[in-house]
Amino acid sequence: MRDVLEAIQKWRKEGKRVALATVVKAEGSAPRREGARLAISEDGEMAGSVSGGCVETDVMYQALDVLKSGEPRLLRYAITDDMVWEVGLACGGTIEVWVEPLPEASAEPEFPQEEKP
């Protein structure tokens, strides 16, 4: 988590806008649990992880759209036989990821405490 916060602070000092992606629901054998985070700068730089690499690239593109529109969105990633060629989780689990633009640098992000299993 510290690497995510440090990256956000660095990007903000550079005057970049930042989006934050957070796993809000994880089912089955999902690679990351609720509370996992990925920060994305307006330049596509990333810090953290929401899936261990399975969907980070798609989340980054979605986050760039969120930064353009200013509207947060909920993403859902899973895998079925019909989704073989789409972005999904090969592990068979399902995750829902909330992507939101962070406020400007004048306000520091506050992260709720992660739940421990």
PDB file of N, CA and C in Angstrom:
ATOM      1  N   MET A   1       0.816  -1.189   0.000  1.00  0.00           N
ATOM      2  CA  MET A   1       0.000   0.000   0.000  1.00  0.00           C
ATOM      3  C   MET A   1       0.862   1.255   0.000  1.00  0.00           C
ATOM      4  N   ARG A   2       1.996   1.171   0.686  1.00  0.00           N
ATOM      5  CA  ARG A   2       2.872   2.336   0.772  1.00  0.00           C
ATOM      6  C   ARG A   2       3.353   2.770  -0.603  1.00  0.00           C
ATOM      7  N   ASP A   3       3.656   1.796  -1.488  1.00  0.00           N
ATOM      8  CA  ASP A   3       4.123   2.147  -2.830  1.00  0.00           C
ATOM      9  C   ASP A   3       3.060   2.895  -3.614  1.00  0.00           C
ATOM     10  N   VAL A   4       1.796   2.554  -3.396  1.00  0.00           N
ATOM     11  CA  VAL A   4       0.694   3.233  -4.080  1.00  0.00           C
ATOM     12  C   VAL A   4       0.607   4.689  -3.609  1.00  0.00           C
ATOM     13  N   LEU A   5       0.650   4.892  -2.317  1.00  0.00           N
ATOM     14  CA  LEU A   5       0.564   6.248  -1.772  1.00  0.00           C
ATOM     15  C   LEU A   5       1.765   7.088  -2.203  1.00  0.00           C
ATOM     16  N   GLU A   6       2.955   6.501  -2.166  1.00  0.00           N
ATOM     17  CA  GLU A   6       4.150   7.237  -2.592  1.00  0.00           C
ATOM     18  C   GLU A   6       4.062   7.634  -4.067  1.00  0.00           C
ATOM     19  N   ALA A   7       3.558   6.734  -4.908  1.00  0.00           N
ATOM     20  CA  ALA A   7       3.407   7.038  -6.335  1.00  0.00           C
ATOM     21  C   ALA A   7       2.391   8.166  -6.536  1.00  0.00           C
ATOM     22  N   ILE A   8       1.273   8.111  -5.818  1.00  0.00           N
ATOM     23  CA  ILE A   8       0.258   9.159  -5.925  1.00  0.00           C
ATOM     24  C   ILE A   8       0.865  10.506  -5.549  1.00  0.00           C
ATOM     25  N   GLN A   9       1.595  10.539  -4.450  1.00  0.00           N
ATOM     26  CA  GLN A   9       2.210  11.790  -4.006  1.00  0.00           C
ATOM     27  C   GLN A   9       3.203  12.305  -5.043  1.00  0.00           C
ATOM     28  N   LYS A  10       4.005  11.430  -5.604  1.00  0.00           N
ATOM     29  CA  LYS A  10       4.993  11.816  -6.616  1.00  0.00           C
ATOM     30  C   LYS A  10       4.305  12.389  -7.844  1.00  0.00           C
ATOM     31  N   TRP A  11       3.296  11.680  -8.350  1.00  0.00           N
ATOM     32  CA  TRP A  11       2.602  12.138  -9.558  1.00  0.00           C
ATOM     33  C   TRP A  11       1.916  13.479  -9.317  1.00  0.00           C
ATOM     34  N   ARG A  12       1.337  13.651  -8.159  1.00  0.00           N
ATOM     35  CA  ARG A  12       0.670  14.918  -7.842  1.00  0.00           C
ATOM     36  C   ARG A  12       1.672  16.060  -7.795  1.00  0.00           C
ATOM     37  N   LYS A  13       2.855  15.806  -7.229  1.00  0.00           N
ATOM     38  CA  LYS A  13       3.898  16.845  -7.196  1.00  0.00           C
ATOM     39  C   LYS A  13       4.307  17.232  -8.613  1.00  0.00           C
ATOM     40  N   GLU A  14       4.197  16.284  -9.540  1.00  0.00           N
ATOM     41  CA  GLU A  14       4.516  16.538 -10.941  1.00  0.00           C
ATOM     42  C   GLU A  14       3.344  17.176 -11.686  1.00  0.00           C
ATOM     43  N   GLY A  15       2.239  17.408 -10.968  1.00  0.00           N
ATOM     44  CA  GLY A  15       1.078  18.058 -11.564  1.00  0.00           C
ATOM     45  C   GLY A  15       0.180  17.123 -12.363  1.00  0.00           C
ATOM     46  N   LYS A  16       0.321  15.825 -12.165  1.00  0.00           N
ATOM     47  CA  LYS A  16      -0.470  14.854 -12.923  1.00  0.00           C
ATOM     48  C   LYS A  16      -1.770  14.518 -12.200  1.00  0.00           C
ATOM     49  N   ARG A  17      -2.796  14.252 -12.990  1.00  0.00           N
ATOM     50  CA  ARG A  17      -4.049  13.745 -12.431  1.00  0.00           C
ATOM     51  C   ARG A  17      -3.885  12.250 -12.194  1.00  0.00           C
ATOM     52  N   VAL A  18      -4.641  11.738 -11.195  1.00  0.00           N
ATOM     53  CA  VAL A  18      -4.486  10.348 -10.774  1.00  0.00           C
ATOM     54  C   VAL A  18      -5.853   9.703 -10.567  1.00  0.00           C
ATOM     55  N   ALA A  19      -5.956   8.453 -11.000  1.00  0.00           N
ATOM     56  CA  ALA A  19      -7.149   7.649 -10.727  1.00  0.00           C
ATOM     57  C   ALA A  19      -6.746   6.516  -9.784  1.00  0.00           C
ATOM     58  N   LEU A  20      -7.707   6.067  -8.985  1.00  0.00           N
ATOM     59  CA  LEU A  20      -7.462   4.966  -8.060  1.00  0.00           C
ATOM     60  C   LEU A  20      -8.464   3.854  -8.340  1.00  0.00           C
ATOM     61  N   ALA A  21      -7.948   2.646  -8.536  1.00  0.00           N
ATOM     62  CA  ALA A  21      -8.784   1.462  -8.741  1.00  0.00           C
ATOM     63  C   ALA A  21      -8.705   0.617  -7.475  1.00  0.00           C
ATOM     64  N   THR A  22      -9.871   0.203  -6.959  1.00  0.00           N
ATOM     65  CA  THR A  22      -9.935  -0.568  -5.721  1.00  0.00           C
ATOM     66  C   THR A  22     -10.804  -1.796  -5.923  1.00  0.00           C
ATOM     67  N   VAL A  23     -10.300  -2.968  -5.527  1.00  0.00           N
ATOM     68  CA  VAL A  23     -11.120  -4.173  -5.557  1.00  0.00           C
ATOM     69  C   VAL A  23     -12.175  -4.025  -4.464  1.00  0.00           C
ATOM     70  N   VAL A  24     -13.455  -4.018  -4.867  1.00  0.00           N
ATOM     71  CA  VAL A  24     -14.534  -3.867  -3.896  1.00  0.00           C
ATOM     72  C   VAL A  24     -15.270  -5.180  -3.648  1.00  0.00           C
ATOM     73  N   LYS A  25     -15.044  -6.166  -4.532  1.00  0.00           N
ATOM     74  CA  LYS A  25     -15.660  -7.473  -4.345  1.00  0.00           C
ATOM     75  C   LYS A  25     -14.768  -8.513  -5.015  1.00  0.00           C
ATOM     76  N   ALA A  26     -14.514  -9.607  -4.315  1.00  0.00           N
ATOM     77  CA  ALA A  26     -13.722 -10.704  -4.868  1.00  0.00           C
ATOM     78  C   ALA A  26     -14.407 -12.012  -4.516  1.00  0.00           C
ATOM     79  N   GLU A  27     -14.569 -12.852  -5.514  1.00  0.00           N
ATOM     80  CA  GLU A  27     -15.222 -14.140  -5.307  1.00  0.00           C
ATOM     81  C   GLU A  27     -14.358 -15.247  -5.907  1.00  0.00           C
ATOM     82  N   GLY A  28     -14.447 -16.416  -5.318  1.00  0.00           N
ATOM     83  CA  GLY A  28     -13.717 -17.560  -5.845  1.00  0.00           C
ATOM     84  C   GLY A  28     -12.216 -17.398  -5.676  1.00  0.00           C
ATOM     85  N   SER A  29     -11.483 -17.904  -6.638  1.00  0.00           N
ATOM     86  CA  SER A  29     -10.021 -17.896  -6.545  1.00  0.00           C
ATOM     87  C   SER A  29      -9.432 -16.640  -7.165  1.00  0.00           C
ATOM     88  N   ALA A  30      -9.970 -15.494  -6.810  1.00  0.00           N
ATOM     89  CA  ALA A  30      -9.470 -14.212  -7.307  1.00  0.00           C
ATOM     90  C   ALA A  30      -8.068 -13.974  -6.759  1.00  0.00           C
ATOM     91  N   PRO A  31      -7.177 -13.410  -7.568  1.00  0.00           N
ATOM     92  CA  PRO A  31      -5.794 -13.223  -7.140  1.00  0.00           C
ATOM     93  C   PRO A  31      -5.597 -12.155  -6.064  1.00  0.00           C
ATOM     94  N   ARG A  32      -6.489 -11.186  -5.965  1.00  0.00           N
ATOM     95  CA  ARG A  32      -6.407 -10.143  -4.939  1.00  0.00           C
ATOM     96  C   ARG A  32      -7.767 -10.047  -4.252  1.00  0.00           C
ATOM     97  N   ARG A  33      -7.731  -9.662  -3.005  1.00  0.00           N
ATOM     98  CA  ARG A  33      -8.957  -9.574  -2.212  1.00  0.00           C
ATOM     99  C   ARG A  33      -9.423  -8.121  -2.136  1.00  0.00           C
ATOM    100  N   GLU A  34     -10.575  -7.919  -1.495  1.00  0.00           N
ATOM    101  CA  GLU A  34     -11.130  -6.590  -1.312  1.00  0.00           C
ATOM    102  C   GLU A  34     -10.093  -5.667  -0.664  1.00  0.00           C
ATOM    103  N   GLY A  35     -10.038  -4.449  -1.167  1.00  0.00           N
ATOM    104  CA  GLY A  35      -9.102  -3.475  -0.632  1.00  0.00           C
ATOM    105  C   GLY A  35      -7.822  -3.343  -1.437  1.00  0.00           C
ATOM    106  N   ALA A  36      -7.528  -4.292  -2.328  1.00  0.00           N
ATOM    107  CA  ALA A  36      -6.329  -4.172  -3.162  1.00  0.00           C
ATOM    108  C   ALA A  36      -6.483  -2.953  -4.063  1.00  0.00           C
ATOM    109  N   ARG A  37      -5.375  -2.223  -4.276  1.00  0.00           N
ATOM    110  CA  ARG A  37      -5.470  -0.967  -5.024  1.00  0.00           C
ATOM    111  C   ARG A  37      -4.406  -0.861  -6.107  1.00  0.00           C
ATOM    112  N   LEU A  38      -4.778  -0.117  -7.140  1.00  0.00           N
ATOM    113  CA  LEU A  38      -3.899   0.210  -8.247  1.00  0.00           C
ATOM    114  C   LEU A  38      -4.089   1.687  -8.544  1.00  0.00           C
ATOM    115  N   ALA A  39      -3.005   2.466  -8.483  1.00  0.00           N
ATOM    116  CA  ALA A  39      -3.064   3.880  -8.831  1.00  0.00           C
ATOM    117  C   ALA A  39      -2.567   4.029 -10.260  1.00  0.00           C
ATOM    118  N   ILE A  40      -3.200   4.933 -11.015  1.00  0.00           N
ATOM    119  CA  ILE A  40      -2.854   5.155 -12.412  1.00  0.00           C
ATOM    120  C   ILE A  40      -2.730   6.657 -12.641  1.00  0.00           C
ATOM    121  N   SER A  41      -1.588   7.089 -13.198  1.00  0.00           N
ATOM    122  CA  SER A  41      -1.419   8.500 -13.519  1.00  0.00           C
ATOM    123  C   SER A  41      -2.023   8.777 -14.889  1.00  0.00           C
ATOM    124  N   GLU A  42      -2.210  10.044 -15.200  1.00  0.00           N
ATOM    125  CA  GLU A  42      -2.764  10.412 -16.503  1.00  0.00           C
ATOM    126  C   GLU A  42      -1.842  10.007 -17.649  1.00  0.00           C
ATOM    127  N   ASP A  43      -0.566   9.679 -17.340  1.00  0.00           N
ATOM    128  CA  ASP A  43       0.376   9.214 -18.353  1.00  0.00           C
ATOM    129  C   ASP A  43       0.387   7.698 -18.484  1.00  0.00           C
ATOM    130  N   GLY A  44      -0.458   7.007 -17.710  1.00  0.00           N
ATOM    131  CA  GLY A  44      -0.526   5.553 -17.776  1.00  0.00           C
ATOM    132  C   GLY A  44       0.461   4.841 -16.873  1.00  0.00           C
ATOM    133  N   GLU A  45       1.121   5.586 -15.990  1.00  0.00           N
ATOM    134  CA  GLU A  45       2.008   4.956 -15.015  1.00  0.00           C
ATOM    135  C   GLU A  45       1.138   4.243 -13.981  1.00  0.00           C
ATOM    136  N   MET A  46       1.621   3.100 -13.473  1.00  0.00           N
ATOM    137  CA  MET A  46       0.831   2.324 -12.527  1.00  0.00           C
ATOM    138  C   MET A  46       1.654   1.966 -11.296  1.00  0.00           C
ATOM    139  N   ALA A  47       0.969   1.897 -10.157  1.00  0.00           N
ATOM    140  CA  ALA A  47       1.577   1.440  -8.907  1.00  0.00           C
ATOM    141  C   ALA A  47       0.527   0.623  -8.177  1.00  0.00           C
ATOM    142  N   GLY A  48       0.928  -0.539  -7.683  1.00  0.00           N
ATOM    143  CA  GLY A  48       0.000  -1.421  -6.988  1.00  0.00           C
ATOM    144  C   GLY A  48      -0.533  -2.488  -7.918  1.00  0.00           C
ATOM    145  N   SER A  49      -1.594  -3.168  -7.472  1.00  0.00           N
ATOM    146  CA  SER A  49      -2.160  -4.258  -8.258  1.00  0.00           C
ATOM    147  C   SER A  49      -3.582  -4.575  -7.798  1.00  0.00           C
ATOM    148  N   VAL A  50      -4.432  -4.883  -8.755  1.00  0.00           N
ATOM    149  CA  VAL A  50      -5.784  -5.338  -8.417  1.00  0.00           C
ATOM    150  C   VAL A  50      -6.003  -6.792  -8.820  1.00  0.00           C
ATOM    151  N   SER A  51      -5.049  -7.369  -9.590  1.00  0.00           N
ATOM    152  CA  SER A  51      -5.265  -8.757 -10.033  1.00  0.00           C
ATOM    153  C   SER A  51      -3.995  -9.555 -10.213  1.00  0.00           C
ATOM    154  N   GLY A  52      -2.879  -9.021  -9.843  1.00  0.00           N
ATOM    155  CA  GLY A  52      -1.641  -9.757 -10.036  1.00  0.00           C
ATOM    156  C   GLY A  52      -1.199  -9.780 -11.490  1.00  0.00           C
ATOM    157  N   GLY A  53      -1.760  -8.892 -12.310  1.00  0.00           N
ATOM    158  CA  GLY A  53      -1.335  -8.768 -13.700  1.00  0.00           C
ATOM    159  C   GLY A  53      -2.353  -9.194 -14.740  1.00  0.00           C
ATOM    160  N   CYS A  54      -3.411  -9.878 -14.334  1.00  0.00           N
ATOM    161  CA  CYS A  54      -4.393 -10.400 -15.304  1.00  0.00           C
ATOM    162  C   CYS A  54      -5.155  -9.300 -16.033  1.00  0.00           C
ATOM    163  N   VAL A  55      -5.558  -8.261 -15.317  1.00  0.00           N
ATOM    164  CA  VAL A  55      -6.428  -7.244 -15.919  1.00  0.00           C
ATOM    165  C   VAL A  55      -5.899  -5.819 -15.764  1.00  0.00           C
ATOM    166  N   GLU A  56      -4.688  -5.662 -15.248  1.00  0.00           N
ATOM    167  CA  GLU A  56      -4.165  -4.324 -14.981  1.00  0.00           C
ATOM    168  C   GLU A  56      -4.182  -3.419 -16.211  1.00  0.00           C
ATOM    169  N   THR A  57      -3.822  -3.950 -17.366  1.00  0.00           N
ATOM    170  CA  THR A  57      -3.786  -3.115 -18.568  1.00  0.00           C
ATOM    171  C   THR A  57      -5.169  -2.580 -18.905  1.00  0.00           C
ATOM    172  N   ASP A  58      -6.194  -3.427 -18.825  1.00  0.00           N
ATOM    173  CA  ASP A  58      -7.552  -2.951 -19.098  1.00  0.00           C
ATOM    174  C   ASP A  58      -7.988  -1.935 -18.055  1.00  0.00           C
ATOM    175  N   VAL A  59      -7.667  -2.180 -16.791  1.00  0.00           N
ATOM    176  CA  VAL A  59      -8.016  -1.231 -15.735  1.00  0.00           C
ATOM    177  C   VAL A  59      -7.339   0.112 -16.009  1.00  0.00           C
ATOM    178  N   MET A  60      -6.083   0.084 -16.478  1.00  0.00           N
ATOM    179  CA  MET A  60      -5.385   1.324 -16.792  1.00  0.00           C
ATOM    180  C   MET A  60      -6.127   2.098 -17.875  1.00  0.00           C
ATOM    181  N   TYR A  61      -6.530   1.423 -18.962  1.00  0.00           N
ATOM    182  CA  TYR A  61      -7.265   2.115 -20.026  1.00  0.00           C
ATOM    183  C   TYR A  61      -8.598   2.658 -19.515  1.00  0.00           C
ATOM    184  N   GLN A  62      -9.285   1.894 -18.691  1.00  0.00           N
ATOM    185  CA  GLN A  62     -10.543   2.359 -18.104  1.00  0.00           C
ATOM    186  C   GLN A  62     -10.292   3.577 -17.208  1.00  0.00           C
ATOM    187  N   ALA A  63      -9.198   3.546 -16.444  1.00  0.00           N
ATOM    188  CA  ALA A  63      -8.863   4.664 -15.559  1.00  0.00           C
ATOM    189  C   ALA A  63      -8.557   5.928 -16.359  1.00  0.00           C
ATOM    190  N   LEU A  64      -7.895   5.781 -17.492  1.00  0.00           N
ATOM    191  CA  LEU A  64      -7.621   6.951 -18.330  1.00  0.00           C
ATOM    192  C   LEU A  64      -8.926   7.556 -18.836  1.00  0.00           C
ATOM    193  N   ASP A  65      -9.899   6.714 -19.179  1.00  0.00           N
ATOM    194  CA  ASP A  65     -11.224   7.219 -19.566  1.00  0.00           C
ATOM    195  C   ASP A  65     -11.911   7.923 -18.396  1.00  0.00           C
ATOM    196  N   VAL A  66     -11.767   7.360 -17.199  1.00  0.00           N
ATOM    197  CA  VAL A  66     -12.346   7.976 -16.003  1.00  0.00           C
ATOM    198  C   VAL A  66     -11.728   9.354 -15.773  1.00  0.00           C
ATOM    199  N   LEU A  67     -10.427   9.467 -15.976  1.00  0.00           N
ATOM    200  CA  LEU A  67      -9.781  10.768 -15.802  1.00  0.00           C
ATOM    201  C   LEU A  67     -10.282  11.780 -16.830  1.00  0.00           C
ATOM    202  N   LYS A  68     -10.549  11.329 -18.045  1.00  0.00           N
ATOM    203  CA  LYS A  68     -11.073  12.234 -19.079  1.00  0.00           C
ATOM    204  C   LYS A  68     -12.489  12.684 -18.766  1.00  0.00           C
ATOM    205  N   SER A  69     -13.330  11.737 -18.345  1.00  0.00           N
ATOM    206  CA  SER A  69     -14.741  12.048 -18.123  1.00  0.00           C
ATOM    207  C   SER A  69     -15.025  12.610 -16.734  1.00  0.00           C
ATOM    208  N   GLY A  70     -14.179  12.259 -15.769  1.00  0.00           N
ATOM    209  CA  GLY A  70     -14.433  12.654 -14.388  1.00  0.00           C
ATOM    210  C   GLY A  70     -15.466  11.788 -13.696  1.00  0.00           C
ATOM    211  N   GLU A  71     -15.976  10.775 -14.411  1.00  0.00           N
ATOM    212  CA  GLU A  71     -17.020   9.896 -13.867  1.00  0.00           C
ATOM    213  C   GLU A  71     -16.440   8.550 -13.441  1.00  0.00           C
ATOM    214  N   PRO A  72     -16.620   8.170 -12.170  1.00  0.00           N
ATOM    215  CA  PRO A  72     -16.133   6.861 -11.726  1.00  0.00           C
ATOM    216  C   PRO A  72     -16.930   5.739 -12.380  1.00  0.00           C
ATOM    217  N   ARG A  73     -16.366   4.533 -12.341  1.00  0.00           N
ATOM    218  CA  ARG A  73     -17.094   3.388 -12.893  1.00  0.00           C
ATOM    219  C   ARG A  73     -16.724   2.108 -12.169  1.00  0.00           C
ATOM    220  N   LEU A  74     -17.654   1.165 -12.223  1.00  0.00           N
ATOM    221  CA  LEU A  74     -17.457  -0.154 -11.633  1.00  0.00           C
ATOM    222  C   LEU A  74     -17.164  -1.136 -12.756  1.00  0.00           C
ATOM    223  N   LEU A  75     -16.063  -1.857 -12.628  1.00  0.00           N
ATOM    224  CA  LEU A  75     -15.662  -2.846 -13.626  1.00  0.00           C
ATOM    225  C   LEU A  75     -15.808  -4.238 -13.029  1.00  0.00           C
ATOM    226  N   ARG A  76     -16.131  -5.203 -13.875  1.00  0.00           N
ATOM    227  CA  ARG A  76     -16.268  -6.590 -13.409  1.00  0.00           C
ATOM    228  C   ARG A  76     -15.440  -7.477 -14.315  1.00  0.00           C
ATOM    229  N   TYR A  77     -14.610  -8.301 -13.700  1.00  0.00           N
ATOM    230  CA  TYR A  77     -13.762  -9.227 -14.452  1.00  0.00           C
ATOM    231  C   TYR A  77     -13.993 -10.641 -13.951  1.00  0.00           C
ATOM    232  N   ALA A  78     -14.212 -11.541 -14.887  1.00  0.00           N
ATOM    233  CA  ALA A  78     -14.411 -12.953 -14.594  1.00  0.00           C
ATOM    234  C   ALA A  78     -14.010 -13.723 -15.846  1.00  0.00           C
ATOM    235  N   ILE A  79     -14.164 -15.021 -15.821  1.00  0.00           N
ATOM    236  CA  ILE A  79     -13.879 -15.814 -17.013  1.00  0.00           C
ATOM    237  C   ILE A  79     -14.958 -16.880 -17.175  1.00  0.00           C
ATOM    238  N   THR A  80     -15.401 -17.031 -18.404  1.00  0.00           N
ATOM    239  CA  THR A  80     -16.323 -18.098 -18.766  1.00  0.00           C
ATOM    240  C   THR A  80     -15.836 -18.686 -20.082  1.00  0.00           C
ATOM    241  N   ASP A  81     -16.406 -19.780 -20.523  1.00  0.00           N
ATOM    242  CA  ASP A  81     -16.009 -20.377 -21.799  1.00  0.00           C
ATOM    243  C   ASP A  81     -16.222 -19.409 -22.952  1.00  0.00           C
ATOM    244  N   ASP A  82     -17.219 -18.526 -22.847  1.00  0.00           N
ATOM    245  CA  ASP A  82     -17.506 -17.570 -23.914  1.00  0.00           C
ATOM    246  C   ASP A  82     -16.518 -16.406 -23.939  1.00  0.00           C
ATOM    247  N   MET A  83     -15.702 -16.272 -22.907  1.00  0.00           N
ATOM    248  CA  MET A  83     -14.828 -15.107 -22.788  1.00  0.00           C
ATOM    249  C   MET A  83     -13.363 -15.431 -23.086  1.00  0.00           C
ATOM    250  N   VAL A  84     -13.081 -16.503 -23.764  1.00  0.00           N
ATOM    251  CA  VAL A  84     -11.712 -16.950 -23.959  1.00  0.00           C
ATOM    252  C   VAL A  84     -10.818 -15.869 -24.540  1.00  0.00           C
ATOM    253  N   TRP A  85     -11.332 -15.033 -25.431  1.00  0.00           N
ATOM    254  CA  TRP A  85     -10.499 -14.020 -26.087  1.00  0.00           C
ATOM    255  C   TRP A  85     -10.675 -12.638 -25.494  1.00  0.00           C
ATOM    256  N   GLU A  86     -11.407 -12.501 -24.417  1.00  0.00           N
ATOM    257  CA  GLU A  86     -11.612 -11.207 -23.777  1.00  0.00           C
ATOM    258  C   GLU A  86     -10.736 -11.087 -22.534  1.00  0.00           C
ATOM    259  N   VAL A  87     -10.695  -9.885 -21.973  1.00  0.00           N
ATOM    260  CA  VAL A  87      -9.955  -9.670 -20.739  1.00  0.00           C
ATOM    261  C   VAL A  87     -10.728 -10.319 -19.609  1.00  0.00           C
ATOM    262  N   GLY A  88     -10.057 -11.118 -18.814  1.00  0.00           N
ATOM    263  CA  GLY A  88     -10.716 -11.773 -17.692  1.00  0.00           C
ATOM    264  C   GLY A  88      -9.698 -12.369 -16.749  1.00  0.00           C
ATOM    265  N   LEU A  89     -10.172 -13.117 -15.797  1.00  0.00           N
ATOM    266  CA  LEU A  89      -9.307 -13.751 -14.815  1.00  0.00           C
ATOM    267  C   LEU A  89      -9.186 -15.228 -15.146  1.00  0.00           C
ATOM    268  N   ALA A  90      -8.006 -15.654 -15.506  1.00  0.00           N
ATOM    269  CA  ALA A  90      -7.778 -17.057 -15.851  1.00  0.00           C
ATOM    270  C   ALA A  90      -7.921 -17.963 -14.632  1.00  0.00           C
ATOM    271  N   CYS A  91      -7.835 -17.404 -13.437  1.00  0.00           N
ATOM    272  CA  CYS A  91      -7.898 -18.196 -12.213  1.00  0.00           C
ATOM    273  C   CYS A  91      -9.307 -18.715 -11.928  1.00  0.00           C
ATOM    274  N   GLY A  92     -10.295 -18.214 -12.642  1.00  0.00           N
ATOM    275  CA  GLY A  92     -11.659 -18.667 -12.425  1.00  0.00           C
ATOM    276  C   GLY A  92     -12.434 -17.826 -11.437  1.00  0.00           C
ATOM    277  N   GLY A  93     -11.789 -16.894 -10.775  1.00  0.00           N
ATOM    278  CA  GLY A  93     -12.464 -16.031  -9.818  1.00  0.00           C
ATOM    279  C   GLY A  93     -13.142 -14.854 -10.503  1.00  0.00           C
ATOM    280  N   THR A  94     -13.734 -14.014  -9.689  1.00  0.00           N
ATOM    281  CA  THR A  94     -14.404 -12.803 -10.164  1.00  0.00           C
ATOM    282  C   THR A  94     -13.998 -11.649  -9.258  1.00  0.00           C
ATOM    283  N   ILE A  95     -13.701 -10.497  -9.882  1.00  0.00           N
ATOM    284  CA  ILE A  95     -13.461  -9.300  -9.081  1.00  0.00           C
ATOM    285  C   ILE A  95     -14.273  -8.148  -9.645  1.00  0.00           C
ATOM    286  N   GLU A  96     -14.676  -7.260  -8.751  1.00  0.00           N
ATOM    287  CA  GLU A  96     -15.284  -6.002  -9.144  1.00  0.00           C
ATOM    288  C   GLU A  96     -14.338  -4.911  -8.678  1.00  0.00           C
ATOM    289  N   VAL A  97     -14.063  -3.976  -9.582  1.00  0.00           N
ATOM    290  CA  VAL A  97     -13.077  -2.936  -9.326  1.00  0.00           C
ATOM    291  C   VAL A  97     -13.733  -1.570  -9.512  1.00  0.00           C
ATOM    292  N   TRP A  98     -13.672  -0.740  -8.481  1.00  0.00           N
ATOM    293  CA  TRP A  98     -14.203   0.622  -8.520  1.00  0.00           C
ATOM    294  C   TRP A  98     -13.060   1.537  -8.943  1.00  0.00           C
ATOM    295  N   VAL A  99     -13.244   2.276 -10.025  1.00  0.00           N
ATOM    296  CA  VAL A  99     -12.225   3.189 -10.526  1.00  0.00           C
ATOM    297  C   VAL A  99     -12.759   4.606 -10.389  1.00  0.00           C
ATOM    298  N   GLU A 100     -11.977   5.454  -9.709  1.00  0.00           N
ATOM    299  CA  GLU A 100     -12.422   6.826  -9.464  1.00  0.00           C
ATOM    300  C   GLU A 100     -11.270   7.798  -9.647  1.00  0.00           C
ATOM    301  N   PRO A 101     -11.584   9.003 -10.106  1.00  0.00           N
ATOM    302  CA  PRO A 101     -10.545  10.031 -10.167  1.00  0.00           C
ATOM    303  C   PRO A 101     -10.307  10.555  -8.756  1.00  0.00           C
ATOM    304  N   LEU A 102      -9.052  10.761  -8.406  1.00  0.00           N
ATOM    305  CA  LEU A 102      -8.763  11.328  -7.095  1.00  0.00           C
ATOM    306  C   LEU A 102      -8.892  12.838  -7.168  1.00  0.00           C
ATOM    307  N   PRO A 103      -9.228  13.461  -6.042  1.00  0.00           N
ATOM    308  CA  PRO A 103      -9.293  14.924  -6.022  1.00  0.00           C
ATOM    309  C   PRO A 103      -7.925  15.511  -6.333  1.00  0.00           C
ATOM    310  N   GLU A 104      -7.899  16.767  -6.657  1.00  0.00           N
ATOM    311  CA  GLU A 104      -6.635  17.436  -6.961  1.00  0.00           C
ATOM    312  C   GLU A 104      -5.673  17.342  -5.781  1.00  0.00           C
ATOM    313  N   ALA A 105      -4.443  17.690  -6.000  1.00  0.00           N
ATOM    314  CA  ALA A 105      -3.369  17.500  -5.028  1.00  0.00           C
ATOM    315  C   ALA A 105      -3.580  18.211  -3.697  1.00  0.00           C
ATOM    316  N   SER A 106      -4.499  19.135  -3.612  1.00  0.00           N
ATOM    317  CA  SER A 106      -4.707  19.852  -2.353  1.00  0.00           C
ATOM    318  C   SER A 106      -5.244  18.945  -1.253  1.00  0.00           C
ATOM    319  N   ALA A 107      -5.846  17.839  -1.626  1.00  0.00           N
ATOM    320  CA  ALA A 107      -6.378  16.892  -0.637  1.00  0.00           C
ATOM    321  C   ALA A 107      -5.636  15.572  -0.757  1.00  0.00           C
ATOM    322  N   GLU A 108      -5.097  15.089   0.346  1.00  0.00           N
ATOM    323  CA  GLU A 108      -4.403  13.806   0.334  1.00  0.00           C
ATOM    324  C   GLU A 108      -5.428  12.677   0.385  1.00  0.00           C
ATOM    325  N   PRO A 109      -5.185  11.587  -0.360  1.00  0.00           N
ATOM    326  CA  PRO A 109      -6.125  10.473  -0.333  1.00  0.00           C
ATOM    327  C   PRO A 109      -6.113   9.789   1.024  1.00  0.00           C
ATOM    328  N   GLU A 110      -7.255   9.340   1.444  1.00  0.00           N
ATOM    329  CA  GLU A 110      -7.351   8.594   2.686  1.00  0.00           C
ATOM    330  C   GLU A 110      -7.772   7.189   2.335  1.00  0.00           C
ATOM    331  N   PHE A 111      -7.007   6.209   2.802  1.00  0.00           N
ATOM    332  CA  PHE A 111      -7.310   4.816   2.540  1.00  0.00           C
ATOM    333  C   PHE A 111      -7.896   4.194   3.787  1.00  0.00           C
ATOM    334  N   PRO A 112      -9.042   3.541   3.673  1.00  0.00           N
ATOM    335  CA  PRO A 112      -9.563   2.826   4.837  1.00  0.00           C
ATOM    336  C   PRO A 112      -8.633   1.667   5.159  1.00  0.00           C
ATOM    337  N   GLN A 113      -8.634   1.242   6.392  1.00  0.00           N
ATOM    338  CA  GLN A 113      -7.814   0.120   6.792  1.00  0.00           C
ATOM    339  C   GLN A 113      -8.235  -1.141   6.052  1.00  0.00           C
ATOM    340  N   GLU A 114      -7.260  -1.897   5.561  1.00  0.00           N
ATOM    341  CA  GLU A 114      -7.569  -3.145   4.869  1.00  0.00           C
ATOM    342  C   GLU A 114      -7.999  -4.190   5.883  1.00  0.00           C
ATOM    343  N   GLU A 115      -8.968  -4.991   5.481  1.00  0.00           N
ATOM    344  CA  GLU A 115      -9.400  -6.082   6.335  1.00  0.00           C
ATOM    345  C   GLU A 115      -8.418  -7.226   6.187  1.00  0.00           C
ATOM    346  N   LYS A 116      -8.082  -7.836   7.297  1.00  0.00           N
ATOM    347  CA  LYS A 116      -7.160  -8.966   7.272  1.00  0.00           C
ATOM    348  C   LYS A 116      -7.989 -10.243   7.331  1.00  0.00           C
ATOM    349  N   PRO A 117      -7.603 -11.223   6.495  1.00  0.00           N
ATOM    350  CA  PRO A 117      -8.370 -12.488   6.479  1.00  0.00           C
ATOM    351  C   PRO A 117      -8.251 -13.245   7.761  1.00  0.00           C
TER     352      PRO A 117
END
